[in-house]
Amino acid sequence: MNAFAPFANCADNGSSPSTEPPLPALRARVRWSVLFLALVAASLLAAGCGDDDSGASNTPSGDTKNLTTNEKWVAGICTSFSGWVNDITTAEASLQKSLDTVASASELKKKLVDFLKTGQTETKNLQKELKALKAPDVKDGDKIQKIFVDASAQFVTVFDKTVSDAQKIDDSSLSKVTADLERFEQQITDSFGNLDAA
């Protein structure tokens, strides 16, 4: 299922038929593409570290030198994921604001690629941080640690492919970039759908 299906006709603004879709419609497609990525990142954090509605912290904070190995591991996992989500959502918010001034298909593509490269870099940083954590001192602790490290490797693969796909978007005309954005949206949906199935 394409998560962007509700926006499939966003190029149709109710005006008379045109060979070129309006630029605002393309901005809308990009807005929802990056918003989807940010929401996926946030949902992964909630799944891994919980959604704290009570106001109490689920993980230790501050000075960690007196924490046990397991407490440090939990704190490290959630701190790394929290930082990753914050960095992606910050970049997403910045991109959303900048889209209002986009005046061409090529500029739109550049801003999308720049955002995805930021996500790519932050995801590689997440992978490094998780690899650096000492496994929890529990049964199969090394295997548990490997699950998170392997998951981060999958995220890196997704962002690598997403950046590559975005760079291939044909920005020679608004109609061509629209067609490529439709394919790009489906590729994003499929990529994260494959992660859910893994």
N, C-alpha and C. Protein backbone atom coordinates (compact mmCIF):
# COMPACT_ATOMS: atom_id res chain seq x y z
N MET A 1 0.84 -1.20 0.00
CA MET A 1 0.00 0.00 0.00
C MET A 1 0.87 1.24 0.00
N ASN A 2 0.54 2.23 -0.85
CA ASN A 2 1.30 3.47 -0.91
C ASN A 2 0.79 4.42 0.16
N ALA A 3 1.67 4.79 1.11
CA ALA A 3 1.28 5.68 2.19
C ALA A 3 0.93 7.07 1.68
N PHE A 4 1.29 7.36 0.43
CA PHE A 4 1.07 8.68 -0.11
C PHE A 4 -0.13 8.71 -1.06
N ALA A 5 -0.91 7.63 -1.08
CA ALA A 5 -2.04 7.54 -1.99
C ALA A 5 -2.99 8.73 -1.89
N PRO A 6 -3.28 9.25 -0.66
CA PRO A 6 -4.20 10.39 -0.57
C PRO A 6 -3.72 11.61 -1.34
N PHE A 7 -2.43 11.66 -1.69
CA PHE A 7 -1.89 12.82 -2.36
C PHE A 7 -1.57 12.54 -3.81
N ALA A 8 -2.07 11.41 -4.31
CA ALA A 8 -1.73 11.00 -5.67
C ALA A 8 -2.21 12.02 -6.70
N ASN A 9 -3.30 12.74 -6.38
CA ASN A 9 -3.85 13.69 -7.33
C ASN A 9 -3.59 15.13 -6.91
N CYS A 10 -2.57 15.34 -6.10
CA CYS A 10 -2.35 16.68 -5.58
C CYS A 10 -1.90 17.65 -6.68
N ALA A 11 -1.47 17.12 -7.84
CA ALA A 11 -1.11 18.00 -8.92
C ALA A 11 -2.33 18.62 -9.60
N ASP A 12 -3.51 18.09 -9.29
CA ASP A 12 -4.74 18.58 -9.87
C ASP A 12 -5.33 19.63 -8.95
N ASN A 13 -5.24 20.90 -9.31
CA ASN A 13 -5.73 21.95 -8.43
C ASN A 13 -7.09 22.47 -8.85
N GLY A 14 -7.74 21.71 -9.73
CA GLY A 14 -9.08 22.09 -10.12
C GLY A 14 -9.12 23.06 -11.27
N SER A 15 -8.00 23.48 -11.77
CA SER A 15 -7.95 24.43 -12.88
C SER A 15 -8.00 23.65 -14.19
N SER A 16 -7.95 24.37 -15.28
CA SER A 16 -7.99 23.71 -16.58
C SER A 16 -6.76 22.86 -16.78
N PRO A 17 -6.87 21.79 -17.59
CA PRO A 17 -5.75 20.88 -17.79
C PRO A 17 -4.51 21.61 -18.27
N SER A 18 -3.36 21.16 -17.78
CA SER A 18 -2.08 21.77 -18.16
C SER A 18 -1.07 20.67 -18.36
N THR A 19 -0.12 20.92 -19.26
CA THR A 19 0.92 19.93 -19.51
C THR A 19 1.91 19.88 -18.36
N GLU A 20 1.97 20.93 -17.54
CA GLU A 20 2.89 20.98 -16.43
C GLU A 20 2.12 21.13 -15.11
N PRO A 21 2.39 20.27 -14.12
CA PRO A 21 1.71 20.40 -12.83
C PRO A 21 2.21 21.65 -12.12
N PRO A 22 1.37 22.26 -11.27
CA PRO A 22 1.79 23.45 -10.54
C PRO A 22 2.87 23.12 -9.53
N LEU A 23 3.81 24.03 -9.33
CA LEU A 23 4.90 23.83 -8.38
C LEU A 23 4.40 23.60 -6.96
N PRO A 24 3.36 24.32 -6.50
CA PRO A 24 2.86 24.06 -5.13
C PRO A 24 2.48 22.60 -4.90
N ALA A 25 1.98 21.94 -5.94
CA ALA A 25 1.62 20.52 -5.79
C ALA A 25 2.86 19.67 -5.55
N LEU A 26 3.96 20.02 -6.22
CA LEU A 26 5.21 19.27 -6.02
C LEU A 26 5.75 19.53 -4.62
N ARG A 27 5.62 20.77 -4.16
CA ARG A 27 6.05 21.07 -2.79
C ARG A 27 5.27 20.19 -1.81
N ALA A 28 3.98 20.01 -2.07
CA ALA A 28 3.14 19.20 -1.18
C ALA A 28 3.62 17.75 -1.16
N ARG A 29 4.00 17.22 -2.31
CA ARG A 29 4.47 15.84 -2.37
C ARG A 29 5.74 15.68 -1.55
N VAL A 30 6.66 16.63 -1.71
CA VAL A 30 7.92 16.55 -0.97
C VAL A 30 7.65 16.70 0.53
N ARG A 31 6.75 17.62 0.88
CA ARG A 31 6.42 17.82 2.30
C ARG A 31 5.98 16.50 2.94
N TRP A 32 5.09 15.79 2.28
CA TRP A 32 4.57 14.55 2.85
C TRP A 32 5.60 13.42 2.81
N SER A 33 6.47 13.45 1.83
CA SER A 33 7.53 12.44 1.78
C SER A 33 8.44 12.54 2.99
N VAL A 34 8.92 13.76 3.27
CA VAL A 34 9.85 13.94 4.39
C VAL A 34 9.14 13.80 5.73
N LEU A 35 7.86 14.23 5.77
CA LEU A 35 7.09 14.06 7.00
C LEU A 35 6.93 12.57 7.32
N PHE A 36 6.69 11.77 6.29
CA PHE A 36 6.56 10.33 6.49
C PHE A 36 7.83 9.75 7.09
N LEU A 37 8.99 10.17 6.58
CA LEU A 37 10.26 9.69 7.11
C LEU A 37 10.43 10.08 8.57
N ALA A 38 10.05 11.31 8.91
CA ALA A 38 10.18 11.76 10.29
C ALA A 38 9.25 10.98 11.21
N LEU A 39 8.05 10.70 10.73
CA LEU A 39 7.09 9.94 11.55
C LEU A 39 7.57 8.50 11.75
N VAL A 40 8.17 7.92 10.73
CA VAL A 40 8.71 6.57 10.86
C VAL A 40 9.80 6.55 11.92
N ALA A 41 10.69 7.54 11.88
CA ALA A 41 11.77 7.62 12.87
C ALA A 41 11.21 7.74 14.28
N ALA A 42 10.20 8.59 14.44
CA ALA A 42 9.60 8.78 15.76
C ALA A 42 8.92 7.51 16.26
N SER A 43 8.28 6.78 15.35
CA SER A 43 7.60 5.55 15.75
C SER A 43 8.60 4.47 16.17
N LEU A 44 9.76 4.47 15.52
CA LEU A 44 10.80 3.51 15.90
C LEU A 44 11.32 3.81 17.31
N LEU A 45 11.44 5.08 17.64
CA LEU A 45 11.86 5.46 18.99
C LEU A 45 10.83 5.03 20.01
N ALA A 46 9.55 5.30 19.72
CA ALA A 46 8.49 4.94 20.65
C ALA A 46 8.44 3.43 20.86
N ALA A 47 8.67 2.67 19.79
CA ALA A 47 8.64 1.22 19.90
C ALA A 47 9.79 0.69 20.73
N GLY A 48 10.95 1.34 20.61
CA GLY A 48 12.14 0.86 21.31
C GLY A 48 12.27 1.33 22.74
N CYS A 49 11.83 2.56 23.01
CA CYS A 49 12.06 3.15 24.34
C CYS A 49 10.78 3.52 25.06
N GLY A 50 9.64 3.33 24.43
CA GLY A 50 8.39 3.61 25.10
C GLY A 50 7.96 5.04 24.90
N ASP A 51 6.68 5.26 25.09
CA ASP A 51 6.10 6.59 24.96
C ASP A 51 5.70 7.04 26.34
N ASP A 52 6.45 7.97 26.90
CA ASP A 52 6.28 8.34 28.30
C ASP A 52 5.20 9.40 28.45
N ASP A 53 3.98 8.98 28.79
CA ASP A 53 2.89 9.92 29.00
C ASP A 53 2.81 10.39 30.44
N SER A 54 3.53 9.75 31.33
CA SER A 54 3.41 10.07 32.74
C SER A 54 4.31 11.22 33.15
N GLY A 55 5.27 11.58 32.25
CA GLY A 55 6.19 12.65 32.60
C GLY A 55 7.44 12.12 33.25
N ALA A 56 7.44 10.86 33.63
CA ALA A 56 8.64 10.27 34.22
C ALA A 56 9.52 9.72 33.14
N SER A 57 10.81 9.73 33.37
CA SER A 57 11.76 9.24 32.37
C SER A 57 11.84 7.73 32.43
N ASN A 58 11.89 7.09 31.25
CA ASN A 58 12.01 5.63 31.19
C ASN A 58 13.46 5.19 31.28
N THR A 59 14.39 6.13 31.12
CA THR A 59 15.80 5.79 31.15
C THR A 59 16.55 6.73 32.05
N PRO A 60 17.65 6.29 32.65
CA PRO A 60 18.44 7.15 33.50
C PRO A 60 19.02 8.31 32.71
N SER A 61 19.17 9.45 33.36
CA SER A 61 19.74 10.60 32.68
C SER A 61 20.83 11.21 33.55
N GLY A 62 21.59 12.13 32.95
CA GLY A 62 22.63 12.79 33.71
C GLY A 62 23.87 11.93 33.82
N ASP A 63 24.52 11.96 35.00
CA ASP A 63 25.76 11.23 35.24
C ASP A 63 25.48 9.73 35.24
N THR A 64 26.15 8.99 34.34
CA THR A 64 25.89 7.56 34.22
C THR A 64 26.99 6.70 34.86
N LYS A 65 27.98 7.33 35.53
CA LYS A 65 29.11 6.55 36.03
C LYS A 65 28.72 5.57 37.14
N ASN A 66 27.62 5.85 37.84
CA ASN A 66 27.19 4.96 38.92
C ASN A 66 26.13 3.95 38.48
N LEU A 67 25.83 3.95 37.19
CA LEU A 67 24.82 3.02 36.68
C LEU A 67 25.42 1.64 36.44
N THR A 68 24.57 0.65 36.50
CA THR A 68 25.01 -0.70 36.17
C THR A 68 25.23 -0.82 34.67
N THR A 69 25.86 -1.90 34.25
CA THR A 69 26.08 -2.13 32.82
C THR A 69 24.77 -2.12 32.06
N ASN A 70 23.76 -2.77 32.63
CA ASN A 70 22.47 -2.85 31.95
C ASN A 70 21.79 -1.49 31.86
N GLU A 71 21.88 -0.71 32.94
CA GLU A 71 21.29 0.63 32.93
C GLU A 71 21.98 1.52 31.91
N LYS A 72 23.29 1.39 31.82
CA LYS A 72 24.04 2.17 30.83
C LYS A 72 23.64 1.77 29.42
N TRP A 73 23.40 0.48 29.22
CA TRP A 73 23.01 0.01 27.90
C TRP A 73 21.65 0.58 27.51
N VAL A 74 20.69 0.48 28.43
CA VAL A 74 19.35 1.00 28.15
C VAL A 74 19.41 2.50 27.88
N ALA A 75 20.15 3.21 28.75
CA ALA A 75 20.28 4.66 28.57
C ALA A 75 20.94 4.97 27.23
N GLY A 76 21.96 4.19 26.88
CA GLY A 76 22.66 4.42 25.62
C GLY A 76 21.79 4.19 24.41
N ILE A 77 21.00 3.13 24.44
CA ILE A 77 20.10 2.82 23.34
C ILE A 77 19.11 3.96 23.12
N CYS A 78 18.46 4.37 24.21
CA CYS A 78 17.41 5.38 24.09
C CYS A 78 17.97 6.77 23.81
N THR A 79 19.13 7.07 24.37
CA THR A 79 19.76 8.36 24.09
C THR A 79 20.15 8.45 22.62
N SER A 80 20.70 7.36 22.09
CA SER A 80 21.10 7.35 20.68
C SER A 80 19.90 7.49 19.76
N PHE A 81 18.84 6.74 20.04
CA PHE A 81 17.65 6.82 19.20
C PHE A 81 16.97 8.19 19.33
N SER A 82 16.95 8.73 20.55
CA SER A 82 16.34 10.05 20.76
C SER A 82 17.09 11.12 19.98
N GLY A 83 18.42 11.05 20.03
CA GLY A 83 19.22 12.02 19.29
C GLY A 83 19.01 11.90 17.80
N TRP A 84 18.90 10.66 17.32
CA TRP A 84 18.67 10.40 15.90
C TRP A 84 17.34 10.99 15.45
N VAL A 85 16.28 10.72 16.22
CA VAL A 85 14.96 11.23 15.88
C VAL A 85 14.95 12.76 15.93
N ASN A 86 15.56 13.34 16.95
CA ASN A 86 15.59 14.80 17.06
C ASN A 86 16.30 15.44 15.88
N ASP A 87 17.41 14.84 15.46
CA ASP A 87 18.16 15.39 14.33
C ASP A 87 17.34 15.31 13.04
N ILE A 88 16.65 14.20 12.84
CA ILE A 88 15.86 14.04 11.62
C ILE A 88 14.65 14.98 11.63
N THR A 89 13.97 15.08 12.76
CA THR A 89 12.79 15.95 12.82
C THR A 89 13.18 17.42 12.72
N THR A 90 14.35 17.78 13.25
CA THR A 90 14.84 19.15 13.11
C THR A 90 15.12 19.47 11.64
N ALA A 91 15.77 18.55 10.95
CA ALA A 91 16.06 18.73 9.53
C ALA A 91 14.76 18.78 8.72
N GLU A 92 13.80 17.96 9.12
CA GLU A 92 12.51 17.94 8.42
C GLU A 92 11.79 19.28 8.59
N ALA A 93 11.79 19.82 9.81
CA ALA A 93 11.13 21.10 10.07
C ALA A 93 11.80 22.23 9.27
N SER A 94 13.13 22.19 9.21
CA SER A 94 13.86 23.20 8.45
C SER A 94 13.53 23.12 6.97
N LEU A 95 13.45 21.90 6.45
CA LEU A 95 13.11 21.72 5.04
C LEU A 95 11.70 22.22 4.76
N GLN A 96 10.76 21.89 5.64
CA GLN A 96 9.37 22.31 5.43
C GLN A 96 9.28 23.83 5.27
N LYS A 97 10.03 24.56 6.10
CA LYS A 97 10.00 26.02 6.03
C LYS A 97 10.62 26.52 4.72
N SER A 98 11.70 25.86 4.29
CA SER A 98 12.41 26.33 3.11
C SER A 98 11.64 26.06 1.82
N LEU A 99 10.71 25.10 1.84
CA LEU A 99 9.99 24.74 0.61
C LEU A 99 9.12 25.87 0.09
N ASP A 100 8.71 26.78 0.96
CA ASP A 100 7.84 27.87 0.53
C ASP A 100 8.51 28.79 -0.49
N THR A 101 9.83 28.82 -0.48
CA THR A 101 10.55 29.73 -1.38
C THR A 101 11.10 29.02 -2.62
N VAL A 102 10.85 27.71 -2.72
CA VAL A 102 11.35 26.96 -3.88
C VAL A 102 10.67 27.46 -5.16
N ALA A 103 11.48 27.73 -6.17
CA ALA A 103 10.93 28.31 -7.40
C ALA A 103 11.11 27.44 -8.63
N SER A 104 11.75 26.27 -8.47
CA SER A 104 11.96 25.42 -9.64
C SER A 104 12.04 23.96 -9.22
N ALA A 105 11.88 23.07 -10.20
CA ALA A 105 11.95 21.64 -9.94
C ALA A 105 13.35 21.24 -9.48
N SER A 106 14.38 21.85 -10.07
CA SER A 106 15.75 21.50 -9.70
C SER A 106 16.07 21.92 -8.27
N GLU A 107 15.55 23.07 -7.86
CA GLU A 107 15.76 23.52 -6.48
C GLU A 107 15.03 22.61 -5.50
N LEU A 108 13.83 22.18 -5.90
CA LEU A 108 13.05 21.27 -5.06
C LEU A 108 13.81 19.96 -4.85
N LYS A 109 14.36 19.42 -5.93
CA LYS A 109 15.13 18.18 -5.85
C LYS A 109 16.34 18.35 -4.95
N LYS A 110 17.05 19.46 -5.10
CA LYS A 110 18.25 19.70 -4.30
C LYS A 110 17.93 19.72 -2.81
N LYS A 111 16.85 20.39 -2.44
CA LYS A 111 16.48 20.47 -1.03
C LYS A 111 16.10 19.09 -0.49
N LEU A 112 15.41 18.30 -1.29
CA LEU A 112 15.04 16.94 -0.88
C LEU A 112 16.29 16.09 -0.69
N VAL A 113 17.20 16.15 -1.65
CA VAL A 113 18.44 15.36 -1.55
C VAL A 113 19.26 15.79 -0.34
N ASP A 114 19.35 17.10 -0.10
CA ASP A 114 20.12 17.59 1.05
C ASP A 114 19.52 17.08 2.36
N PHE A 115 18.20 17.08 2.45
CA PHE A 115 17.54 16.56 3.66
C PHE A 115 17.86 15.08 3.84
N LEU A 116 17.76 14.32 2.77
CA LEU A 116 18.01 12.88 2.86
C LEU A 116 19.46 12.58 3.20
N LYS A 117 20.38 13.41 2.70
CA LYS A 117 21.79 13.22 3.05
C LYS A 117 22.03 13.48 4.53
N THR A 118 21.29 14.44 5.08
CA THR A 118 21.37 14.68 6.52
C THR A 118 20.89 13.46 7.29
N GLY A 119 19.75 12.90 6.84
CA GLY A 119 19.25 11.68 7.47
C GLY A 119 20.22 10.54 7.33
N GLN A 120 20.86 10.44 6.20
CA GLN A 120 21.86 9.40 5.94
C GLN A 120 23.03 9.53 6.92
N THR A 121 23.53 10.75 7.08
CA THR A 121 24.65 10.98 7.99
C THR A 121 24.28 10.68 9.43
N GLU A 122 23.10 11.15 9.85
CA GLU A 122 22.67 10.93 11.23
C GLU A 122 22.42 9.45 11.51
N THR A 123 21.96 8.73 10.50
CA THR A 123 21.71 7.30 10.67
C THR A 123 23.02 6.53 10.79
N LYS A 124 24.04 6.96 10.06
CA LYS A 124 25.36 6.34 10.21
C LYS A 124 25.95 6.65 11.59
N ASN A 125 25.67 7.86 12.10
CA ASN A 125 26.12 8.20 13.45
C ASN A 125 25.42 7.32 14.48
N LEU A 126 24.13 7.08 14.27
CA LEU A 126 23.37 6.19 15.16
C LEU A 126 24.00 4.81 15.17
N GLN A 127 24.34 4.30 14.00
CA GLN A 127 24.95 2.98 13.89
C GLN A 127 26.26 2.92 14.68
N LYS A 128 27.10 3.95 14.56
CA LYS A 128 28.37 3.99 15.28
C LYS A 128 28.15 3.99 16.79
N GLU A 129 27.18 4.78 17.25
CA GLU A 129 26.90 4.87 18.68
C GLU A 129 26.42 3.53 19.23
N LEU A 130 25.56 2.85 18.49
CA LEU A 130 25.04 1.56 18.95
C LEU A 130 26.15 0.51 18.98
N LYS A 131 27.01 0.55 17.99
CA LYS A 131 28.12 -0.41 17.95
C LYS A 131 29.06 -0.21 19.14
N ALA A 132 29.17 1.04 19.62
CA ALA A 132 30.09 1.35 20.71
C ALA A 132 29.57 0.94 22.08
N LEU A 133 28.29 0.62 22.18
CA LEU A 133 27.70 0.25 23.46
C LEU A 133 28.17 -1.14 23.90
N LYS A 134 28.38 -1.29 25.21
CA LYS A 134 28.70 -2.60 25.76
C LYS A 134 27.41 -3.38 25.92
N ALA A 135 27.40 -4.62 25.49
CA ALA A 135 26.20 -5.45 25.53
C ALA A 135 25.68 -5.58 26.96
N PRO A 136 24.36 -5.70 27.14
CA PRO A 136 23.80 -5.85 28.48
C PRO A 136 24.25 -7.15 29.12
N ASP A 137 24.38 -7.12 30.44
CA ASP A 137 24.85 -8.28 31.19
C ASP A 137 23.67 -9.18 31.54
N VAL A 138 23.10 -9.79 30.51
CA VAL A 138 21.96 -10.69 30.67
C VAL A 138 22.18 -11.89 29.75
N LYS A 139 21.32 -12.88 29.90
CA LYS A 139 21.40 -14.03 29.01
C LYS A 139 21.19 -13.56 27.57
N ASP A 140 22.06 -14.01 26.69
CA ASP A 140 22.01 -13.64 25.28
C ASP A 140 22.18 -12.13 25.08
N GLY A 141 22.90 -11.48 25.99
CA GLY A 141 23.11 -10.04 25.88
C GLY A 141 23.76 -9.62 24.58
N ASP A 142 24.74 -10.41 24.13
CA ASP A 142 25.41 -10.10 22.86
C ASP A 142 24.44 -10.19 21.69
N LYS A 143 23.53 -11.17 21.76
CA LYS A 143 22.55 -11.33 20.68
C LYS A 143 21.56 -10.16 20.69
N ILE A 144 21.18 -9.72 21.89
CA ILE A 144 20.26 -8.58 22.01
C ILE A 144 20.91 -7.32 21.43
N GLN A 145 22.17 -7.12 21.80
CA GLN A 145 22.91 -5.98 21.27
C GLN A 145 23.01 -6.04 19.75
N LYS A 146 23.22 -7.23 19.23
CA LYS A 146 23.36 -7.40 17.77
C LYS A 146 22.06 -7.05 17.05
N ILE A 147 20.93 -7.31 17.68
CA ILE A 147 19.65 -6.98 17.06
C ILE A 147 19.58 -5.48 16.76
N PHE A 148 19.99 -4.67 17.74
CA PHE A 148 19.95 -3.22 17.56
C PHE A 148 20.98 -2.75 16.53
N VAL A 149 22.17 -3.33 16.59
CA VAL A 149 23.21 -2.96 15.64
C VAL A 149 22.80 -3.34 14.22
N ASP A 150 22.23 -4.52 14.08
CA ASP A 150 21.78 -4.97 12.76
C ASP A 150 20.64 -4.09 12.24
N ALA A 151 19.75 -3.68 13.17
CA ALA A 151 18.64 -2.81 12.77
C ALA A 151 19.17 -1.48 12.26
N SER A 152 20.19 -0.94 12.94
CA SER A 152 20.76 0.34 12.50
C SER A 152 21.42 0.18 11.13
N ALA A 153 22.00 -0.97 10.88
CA ALA A 153 22.60 -1.23 9.57
C ALA A 153 21.52 -1.24 8.48
N GLN A 154 20.34 -1.78 8.81
CA GLN A 154 19.23 -1.76 7.86
C GLN A 154 18.77 -0.34 7.59
N PHE A 155 18.74 0.49 8.65
CA PHE A 155 18.35 1.89 8.47
C PHE A 155 19.33 2.60 7.54
N VAL A 156 20.63 2.32 7.73
CA VAL A 156 21.65 2.93 6.88
C VAL A 156 21.43 2.51 5.42
N THR A 157 21.14 1.23 5.20
CA THR A 157 20.89 0.74 3.85
C THR A 157 19.71 1.45 3.21
N VAL A 158 18.64 1.64 4.00
CA VAL A 158 17.45 2.33 3.50
C VAL A 158 17.78 3.76 3.10
N PHE A 159 18.51 4.47 3.96
CA PHE A 159 18.84 5.86 3.64
C PHE A 159 19.81 5.95 2.47
N ASP A 160 20.75 5.01 2.37
CA ASP A 160 21.66 4.99 1.23
C ASP A 160 20.87 4.87 -0.08
N LYS A 161 19.91 3.95 -0.08
CA LYS A 161 19.10 3.74 -1.28
C LYS A 161 18.20 4.95 -1.55
N THR A 162 17.64 5.52 -0.48
CA THR A 162 16.74 6.66 -0.64
C THR A 162 17.48 7.86 -1.23
N VAL A 163 18.69 8.11 -0.73
CA VAL A 163 19.50 9.20 -1.29
C VAL A 163 19.80 8.94 -2.77
N SER A 164 20.19 7.71 -3.07
CA SER A 164 20.50 7.35 -4.45
C SER A 164 19.28 7.53 -5.35
N ASP A 165 18.12 7.10 -4.88
CA ASP A 165 16.88 7.23 -5.67
C ASP A 165 16.53 8.70 -5.89
N ALA A 166 16.69 9.51 -4.83
CA ALA A 166 16.36 10.94 -4.95
C ALA A 166 17.28 11.64 -5.93
N GLN A 167 18.54 11.24 -5.94
CA GLN A 167 19.50 11.86 -6.86
C GLN A 167 19.18 11.55 -8.32
N LYS A 168 18.43 10.47 -8.53
CA LYS A 168 18.07 10.06 -9.90
C LYS A 168 16.79 10.73 -10.40
N ILE A 169 16.12 11.51 -9.55
CA ILE A 169 14.89 12.19 -9.97
C ILE A 169 15.20 13.14 -11.12
N ASP A 170 14.40 13.03 -12.18
CA ASP A 170 14.59 13.87 -13.36
C ASP A 170 13.93 15.23 -13.11
N ASP A 171 14.76 16.27 -12.94
CA ASP A 171 14.23 17.59 -12.64
C ASP A 171 14.25 18.51 -13.86
N SER A 172 14.26 17.92 -15.06
CA SER A 172 14.30 18.74 -16.27
C SER A 172 12.97 19.45 -16.53
N SER A 173 11.90 18.95 -15.93
CA SER A 173 10.60 19.61 -16.05
C SER A 173 9.74 19.23 -14.86
N LEU A 174 8.70 20.02 -14.61
CA LEU A 174 7.82 19.74 -13.48
C LEU A 174 7.06 18.43 -13.68
N SER A 175 6.68 18.15 -14.92
CA SER A 175 5.93 16.91 -15.17
C SER A 175 6.80 15.69 -14.91
N LYS A 176 8.08 15.76 -15.29
CA LYS A 176 8.98 14.63 -15.09
C LYS A 176 9.31 14.44 -13.61
N VAL A 177 9.52 15.53 -12.90
CA VAL A 177 9.82 15.40 -11.48
C VAL A 177 8.60 14.88 -10.73
N THR A 178 7.40 15.22 -11.20
CA THR A 178 6.18 14.69 -10.58
C THR A 178 6.12 13.18 -10.72
N ALA A 179 6.38 12.68 -11.93
CA ALA A 179 6.34 11.24 -12.18
C ALA A 179 7.39 10.52 -11.32
N ASP A 180 8.58 11.10 -11.25
CA ASP A 180 9.64 10.48 -10.46
C ASP A 180 9.35 10.53 -8.97
N LEU A 181 8.71 11.61 -8.51
CA LEU A 181 8.35 11.71 -7.09
C LEU A 181 7.34 10.64 -6.71
N GLU A 182 6.41 10.33 -7.63
CA GLU A 182 5.44 9.28 -7.35
C GLU A 182 6.15 7.95 -7.13
N ARG A 183 7.12 7.65 -7.99
CA ARG A 183 7.89 6.41 -7.83
C ARG A 183 8.72 6.46 -6.55
N PHE A 184 9.28 7.61 -6.26
CA PHE A 184 10.11 7.78 -5.08
C PHE A 184 9.30 7.54 -3.81
N GLU A 185 8.08 8.08 -3.77
CA GLU A 185 7.22 7.88 -2.61
C GLU A 185 6.94 6.40 -2.38
N GLN A 186 6.67 5.69 -3.47
CA GLN A 186 6.39 4.26 -3.35
C GLN A 186 7.62 3.51 -2.87
N GLN A 187 8.80 3.92 -3.33
CA GLN A 187 10.03 3.27 -2.90
C GLN A 187 10.28 3.48 -1.41
N ILE A 188 9.97 4.68 -0.90
CA ILE A 188 10.11 4.93 0.53
C ILE A 188 9.20 4.01 1.32
N THR A 189 7.93 3.95 0.90
CA THR A 189 6.95 3.10 1.57
C THR A 189 7.39 1.64 1.56
N ASP A 190 7.86 1.16 0.41
CA ASP A 190 8.30 -0.22 0.28
C ASP A 190 9.51 -0.50 1.16
N SER A 191 10.45 0.45 1.19
CA SER A 191 11.69 0.25 1.97
C SER A 191 11.39 0.07 3.45
N PHE A 192 10.54 0.94 3.99
CA PHE A 192 10.24 0.83 5.41
C PHE A 192 9.26 -0.31 5.68
N GLY A 193 8.47 -0.66 4.66
CA GLY A 193 7.61 -1.84 4.81
C GLY A 193 8.44 -3.10 4.92
N ASN A 194 9.54 -3.15 4.18
CA ASN A 194 10.44 -4.29 4.25
C ASN A 194 11.12 -4.38 5.61
N LEU A 195 11.40 -3.24 6.23
CA LEU A 195 11.97 -3.25 7.58
C LEU A 195 10.99 -3.84 8.57
N ASP A 196 9.71 -3.46 8.44
CA ASP A 196 8.69 -4.00 9.35
C ASP A 196 8.57 -5.49 9.21
N ALA A 197 8.77 -6.00 7.99
CA ALA A 197 8.62 -7.43 7.75
C ALA A 197 9.85 -8.22 8.15
N ALA A 198 10.97 -7.52 8.35
CA ALA A 198 12.24 -8.20 8.66
C ALA A 198 12.23 -8.76 10.06
